[in-house]
């Protein structure tokens, strides 16, 4: 699962000019990953609300704008949400059900 997820995350990082996070992906052999399937509308509603939290407004969580934009455009009724704990960073990655496209990545700083 990590190899498939990592490959689509790397494409996403390049597309959004976030290559500085690439090295974190290569250094991990097998991070701790937990995934769940969620209705797209529910994901949008929940993360729209979370985007207004103090942590996101202070910059401790980045990536909400792109995520919400993509969730508005996606035609799938469900999305997958993956919590990825790397040794240096925590990510929440949103993909389509087939894990062929990343819809957004939330980056959590220390």
N, C-alpha and C. Protein backbone atom coordinates (compact mmCIF):
# COMPACT_ATOMS: atom_id res chain seq x y z
N UNK A 1 0.82 -1.20 0.00
CA UNK A 1 0.00 0.00 0.00
C UNK A 1 0.87 1.26 0.00
N UNK A 2 1.95 1.27 0.80
CA UNK A 2 2.78 2.46 0.89
C UNK A 2 3.40 2.82 -0.45
N UNK A 3 3.85 1.84 -1.22
CA UNK A 3 4.47 2.14 -2.52
C UNK A 3 3.47 2.83 -3.45
N UNK A 4 2.24 2.32 -3.49
CA UNK A 4 1.21 2.93 -4.35
C UNK A 4 0.87 4.33 -3.87
N UNK A 5 0.68 4.49 -2.58
CA UNK A 5 0.35 5.80 -2.02
C UNK A 5 1.50 6.78 -2.20
N UNK A 6 2.71 6.33 -1.95
CA UNK A 6 3.87 7.20 -2.09
C UNK A 6 4.01 7.71 -3.53
N UNK A 7 3.77 6.85 -4.51
CA UNK A 7 3.93 7.26 -5.91
C UNK A 7 2.95 8.36 -6.29
N UNK A 8 1.70 8.28 -5.84
CA UNK A 8 0.74 9.34 -6.19
C UNK A 8 0.99 10.60 -5.37
N UNK A 9 1.51 10.45 -4.15
CA UNK A 9 1.87 11.63 -3.35
C UNK A 9 3.00 12.38 -4.03
N UNK A 10 3.99 11.67 -4.54
CA UNK A 10 5.12 12.32 -5.20
C UNK A 10 4.68 13.10 -6.44
N UNK A 11 3.73 12.56 -7.19
CA UNK A 11 3.19 13.29 -8.34
C UNK A 11 2.50 14.57 -7.87
N UNK A 12 1.73 14.46 -6.82
CA UNK A 12 1.04 15.62 -6.25
C UNK A 12 2.03 16.69 -5.80
N UNK A 13 3.08 16.28 -5.12
CA UNK A 13 4.08 17.23 -4.63
C UNK A 13 4.75 17.97 -5.78
N UNK A 14 5.07 17.27 -6.84
CA UNK A 14 5.69 17.91 -8.00
C UNK A 14 4.72 18.88 -8.66
N UNK A 15 3.47 18.46 -8.82
CA UNK A 15 2.48 19.32 -9.46
C UNK A 15 2.24 20.61 -8.68
N UNK A 16 2.34 20.54 -7.37
CA UNK A 16 2.09 21.71 -6.52
C UNK A 16 3.38 22.38 -6.04
N UNK A 17 4.50 22.02 -6.67
CA UNK A 17 5.78 22.62 -6.34
C UNK A 17 6.12 22.50 -4.86
N UNK A 18 5.89 21.33 -4.31
CA UNK A 18 6.18 21.05 -2.91
C UNK A 18 7.28 20.01 -2.79
N UNK A 19 8.25 20.08 -3.71
CA UNK A 19 9.31 19.07 -3.76
C UNK A 19 10.12 18.98 -2.48
N UNK A 20 10.08 20.02 -1.65
CA UNK A 20 10.86 19.98 -0.42
C UNK A 20 10.43 18.82 0.49
N UNK A 21 9.24 18.30 0.28
CA UNK A 21 8.76 17.17 1.08
C UNK A 21 9.13 15.81 0.48
N UNK A 22 9.66 15.81 -0.75
CA UNK A 22 9.99 14.55 -1.42
C UNK A 22 10.95 13.69 -0.63
N UNK A 23 11.98 14.29 -0.07
CA UNK A 23 12.99 13.50 0.65
C UNK A 23 12.38 12.74 1.81
N UNK A 24 11.34 13.29 2.42
CA UNK A 24 10.68 12.60 3.52
C UNK A 24 10.03 11.30 3.04
N UNK A 25 9.57 11.29 1.81
CA UNK A 25 8.91 10.10 1.26
C UNK A 25 9.92 8.99 0.99
N UNK A 26 11.11 9.35 0.54
CA UNK A 26 12.10 8.35 0.17
C UNK A 26 12.76 7.71 1.37
N UNK A 27 12.84 8.43 2.46
CA UNK A 27 13.54 7.93 3.64
C UNK A 27 12.73 6.90 4.42
N UNK A 28 11.46 6.83 4.18
CA UNK A 28 10.59 5.92 4.93
C UNK A 28 10.49 4.56 4.27
N UNK A 29 10.71 3.51 5.05
CA UNK A 29 10.54 2.16 4.54
C UNK A 29 9.07 1.79 4.59
N UNK A 30 8.49 1.84 5.76
CA UNK A 30 7.07 1.55 5.93
C UNK A 30 6.51 2.42 7.05
N UNK A 31 5.89 3.53 6.70
CA UNK A 31 5.32 4.38 7.75
C UNK A 31 4.03 3.77 8.31
N UNK A 32 3.57 4.32 9.39
CA UNK A 32 2.31 3.91 9.98
C UNK A 32 1.19 4.57 9.16
N UNK A 33 0.33 3.75 8.54
CA UNK A 33 -0.76 4.27 7.70
C UNK A 33 -2.08 3.70 8.19
N UNK A 34 -3.05 4.57 8.35
CA UNK A 34 -4.43 4.15 8.64
C UNK A 34 -5.31 4.82 7.60
N UNK A 35 -6.17 4.04 6.97
CA UNK A 35 -7.02 4.56 5.90
C UNK A 35 -8.49 4.30 6.21
N UNK A 36 -9.33 5.19 5.70
CA UNK A 36 -10.77 4.99 5.82
C UNK A 36 -11.47 5.57 4.60
N UNK A 37 -12.62 5.01 4.30
CA UNK A 37 -13.44 5.47 3.20
C UNK A 37 -14.51 6.41 3.76
N UNK A 38 -14.70 7.56 3.10
CA UNK A 38 -15.65 8.57 3.57
C UNK A 38 -16.42 9.11 2.37
N UNK A 39 -17.68 9.44 2.59
CA UNK A 39 -18.45 10.10 1.54
C UNK A 39 -17.80 11.45 1.22
N UNK A 40 -17.72 11.76 -0.05
CA UNK A 40 -17.05 12.99 -0.47
C UNK A 40 -17.67 14.22 0.17
N UNK A 41 -18.99 14.28 0.20
CA UNK A 41 -19.67 15.44 0.78
C UNK A 41 -19.34 15.57 2.27
N UNK A 42 -19.32 14.45 2.97
CA UNK A 42 -18.97 14.49 4.40
C UNK A 42 -17.54 14.97 4.60
N UNK A 43 -16.62 14.47 3.77
CA UNK A 43 -15.22 14.91 3.87
C UNK A 43 -15.14 16.41 3.65
N UNK A 44 -15.85 16.91 2.64
CA UNK A 44 -15.82 18.35 2.36
C UNK A 44 -16.36 19.14 3.54
N UNK A 45 -17.50 18.72 4.07
CA UNK A 45 -18.12 19.44 5.19
C UNK A 45 -17.21 19.44 6.43
N UNK A 46 -16.66 18.29 6.76
CA UNK A 46 -15.80 18.17 7.94
C UNK A 46 -14.54 19.01 7.80
N UNK A 47 -13.87 18.88 6.64
CA UNK A 47 -12.59 19.57 6.49
C UNK A 47 -12.75 21.04 6.16
N UNK A 48 -13.92 21.43 5.68
CA UNK A 48 -14.21 22.85 5.53
C UNK A 48 -14.29 23.50 6.91
N UNK A 49 -14.94 22.82 7.82
CA UNK A 49 -15.03 23.30 9.20
C UNK A 49 -13.66 23.31 9.87
N UNK A 50 -12.89 22.24 9.67
CA UNK A 50 -11.56 22.15 10.29
C UNK A 50 -10.61 23.20 9.73
N UNK A 51 -10.85 23.64 8.50
CA UNK A 51 -9.96 24.64 7.90
C UNK A 51 -10.05 25.98 8.62
N UNK A 52 -11.09 26.16 9.41
CA UNK A 52 -11.26 27.40 10.16
C UNK A 52 -10.81 27.26 11.62
N UNK A 53 -10.15 26.14 11.94
CA UNK A 53 -9.67 25.93 13.31
C UNK A 53 -8.44 26.79 13.58
N UNK A 54 -8.16 27.07 14.86
CA UNK A 54 -6.99 27.89 15.18
C UNK A 54 -5.67 27.33 14.63
N UNK A 55 -5.51 26.00 14.62
CA UNK A 55 -4.26 25.41 14.12
C UNK A 55 -4.07 25.68 12.63
N UNK A 56 -5.15 25.60 11.86
CA UNK A 56 -5.00 25.85 10.42
C UNK A 56 -4.82 27.34 10.15
N UNK A 57 -5.48 28.17 10.92
CA UNK A 57 -5.35 29.61 10.72
C UNK A 57 -3.97 30.12 11.11
N UNK A 58 -3.33 29.43 12.05
CA UNK A 58 -1.99 29.85 12.48
C UNK A 58 -0.89 29.29 11.58
N UNK A 59 -1.26 28.43 10.65
CA UNK A 59 -0.26 27.86 9.74
C UNK A 59 0.33 26.56 10.21
N UNK A 60 -0.14 26.01 11.32
CA UNK A 60 0.38 24.74 11.81
C UNK A 60 -0.13 23.57 10.97
N UNK A 61 -1.21 23.78 10.23
CA UNK A 61 -1.71 22.78 9.29
C UNK A 61 -1.86 23.48 7.95
N UNK A 62 -1.21 22.92 6.93
CA UNK A 62 -1.27 23.53 5.60
C UNK A 62 -1.90 22.56 4.62
N UNK A 63 -2.57 23.10 3.61
CA UNK A 63 -3.09 22.29 2.52
C UNK A 63 -4.60 22.31 2.36
N UNK A 64 -5.29 23.04 3.23
CA UNK A 64 -6.75 23.05 3.17
C UNK A 64 -7.30 23.64 1.88
N UNK A 65 -6.72 24.73 1.39
CA UNK A 65 -7.27 25.40 0.21
C UNK A 65 -7.34 24.47 -0.99
N UNK A 66 -6.24 23.83 -1.30
CA UNK A 66 -6.20 22.92 -2.45
C UNK A 66 -7.12 21.73 -2.23
N UNK A 67 -7.13 21.19 -1.03
CA UNK A 67 -7.99 20.04 -0.71
C UNK A 67 -9.46 20.37 -0.94
N UNK A 68 -9.93 21.48 -0.40
CA UNK A 68 -11.34 21.84 -0.53
C UNK A 68 -11.71 22.12 -1.98
N UNK A 69 -10.80 22.72 -2.72
CA UNK A 69 -11.02 22.97 -4.14
C UNK A 69 -11.20 21.65 -4.90
N UNK A 70 -10.35 20.68 -4.62
CA UNK A 70 -10.43 19.38 -5.29
C UNK A 70 -11.66 18.58 -4.86
N UNK A 71 -12.01 18.65 -3.58
CA UNK A 71 -13.22 17.95 -3.11
C UNK A 71 -14.47 18.52 -3.76
N UNK A 72 -14.46 19.81 -4.08
CA UNK A 72 -15.59 20.42 -4.79
C UNK A 72 -15.72 19.88 -6.21
N UNK A 73 -14.58 19.54 -6.83
CA UNK A 73 -14.58 19.13 -8.23
C UNK A 73 -14.74 17.62 -8.45
N UNK A 74 -14.39 16.82 -7.45
CA UNK A 74 -14.37 15.37 -7.65
C UNK A 74 -15.78 14.83 -7.89
N UNK A 75 -15.87 13.88 -8.82
CA UNK A 75 -17.17 13.29 -9.16
C UNK A 75 -17.46 12.01 -8.39
N UNK A 76 -16.46 11.47 -7.70
CA UNK A 76 -16.64 10.23 -6.94
C UNK A 76 -17.51 10.49 -5.72
N UNK A 77 -18.33 9.52 -5.38
CA UNK A 77 -19.18 9.68 -4.20
C UNK A 77 -18.42 9.43 -2.90
N UNK A 78 -17.30 8.70 -3.01
CA UNK A 78 -16.48 8.44 -1.82
C UNK A 78 -15.02 8.75 -2.12
N UNK A 79 -14.30 9.05 -1.06
CA UNK A 79 -12.85 9.28 -1.14
C UNK A 79 -12.21 8.47 -0.02
N UNK A 80 -10.91 8.27 -0.15
CA UNK A 80 -10.15 7.63 0.92
C UNK A 80 -9.32 8.68 1.64
N UNK A 81 -9.27 8.57 2.94
CA UNK A 81 -8.44 9.44 3.75
C UNK A 81 -7.41 8.55 4.43
N UNK A 82 -6.13 8.91 4.26
CA UNK A 82 -5.03 8.13 4.81
C UNK A 82 -4.25 9.00 5.80
N UNK A 83 -4.14 8.53 7.03
CA UNK A 83 -3.26 9.19 7.99
C UNK A 83 -1.90 8.52 7.87
N UNK A 84 -0.89 9.30 7.52
CA UNK A 84 0.45 8.75 7.29
C UNK A 84 1.40 9.38 8.31
N UNK A 85 1.93 8.54 9.18
CA UNK A 85 2.90 9.00 10.17
C UNK A 85 4.30 8.62 9.70
N UNK A 86 5.02 9.62 9.23
CA UNK A 86 6.41 9.45 8.83
C UNK A 86 7.29 9.80 10.03
N UNK A 87 8.53 9.47 9.96
CA UNK A 87 9.39 9.76 11.11
C UNK A 87 9.52 11.25 11.36
N UNK A 88 9.40 12.09 10.31
CA UNK A 88 9.61 13.54 10.46
C UNK A 88 8.35 14.39 10.35
N UNK A 89 7.25 13.80 9.91
CA UNK A 89 6.07 14.62 9.65
C UNK A 89 4.82 13.76 9.65
N UNK A 90 3.70 14.40 9.94
CA UNK A 90 2.40 13.73 9.87
C UNK A 90 1.65 14.31 8.68
N UNK A 91 1.08 13.43 7.86
CA UNK A 91 0.29 13.85 6.71
C UNK A 91 -1.10 13.23 6.79
N UNK A 92 -2.07 13.94 6.28
CA UNK A 92 -3.39 13.37 6.02
C UNK A 92 -3.58 13.52 4.53
N UNK A 93 -3.67 12.38 3.85
CA UNK A 93 -3.70 12.35 2.39
C UNK A 93 -5.09 11.91 1.94
N UNK A 94 -5.65 12.67 1.02
CA UNK A 94 -6.98 12.38 0.46
C UNK A 94 -6.78 11.89 -0.97
N UNK A 95 -7.31 10.71 -1.27
CA UNK A 95 -7.19 10.17 -2.62
C UNK A 95 -8.55 9.73 -3.13
N UNK A 96 -8.60 9.48 -4.45
CA UNK A 96 -9.79 8.85 -4.98
C UNK A 96 -9.79 7.40 -4.48
N UNK A 97 -10.88 6.68 -4.72
CA UNK A 97 -11.05 5.35 -4.16
C UNK A 97 -9.99 4.37 -4.67
N UNK A 98 -9.56 4.53 -5.91
CA UNK A 98 -8.57 3.62 -6.51
C UNK A 98 -7.12 3.98 -6.16
N UNK A 99 -6.93 5.03 -5.42
CA UNK A 99 -5.60 5.54 -5.05
C UNK A 99 -4.76 5.79 -6.30
N UNK A 100 -5.37 6.45 -7.28
CA UNK A 100 -4.63 6.82 -8.49
C UNK A 100 -4.42 8.33 -8.57
N UNK A 101 -5.10 9.09 -7.70
CA UNK A 101 -4.96 10.54 -7.70
C UNK A 101 -5.08 11.07 -6.28
N UNK A 102 -4.17 11.96 -5.93
CA UNK A 102 -4.24 12.66 -4.64
C UNK A 102 -5.10 13.90 -4.83
N UNK A 103 -6.08 14.06 -3.97
CA UNK A 103 -6.96 15.23 -4.01
C UNK A 103 -6.41 16.35 -3.14
N UNK A 104 -5.67 15.99 -2.13
CA UNK A 104 -5.09 16.98 -1.25
C UNK A 104 -4.27 16.33 -0.17
N UNK A 105 -3.36 17.11 0.39
CA UNK A 105 -2.52 16.65 1.49
C UNK A 105 -2.51 17.73 2.56
N UNK A 106 -2.80 17.33 3.77
CA UNK A 106 -2.67 18.25 4.89
C UNK A 106 -1.33 17.97 5.56
N UNK A 107 -0.54 19.02 5.75
CA UNK A 107 0.78 18.92 6.36
C UNK A 107 0.70 19.49 7.76
N UNK A 108 1.16 18.74 8.73
CA UNK A 108 1.13 19.17 10.13
C UNK A 108 2.55 19.48 10.57
N UNK A 109 2.79 20.71 10.98
CA UNK A 109 4.11 21.08 11.50
C UNK A 109 4.14 20.86 12.99
N UNK A 110 5.34 20.77 13.51
CA UNK A 110 5.51 20.56 14.97
C UNK A 110 5.10 21.79 15.73
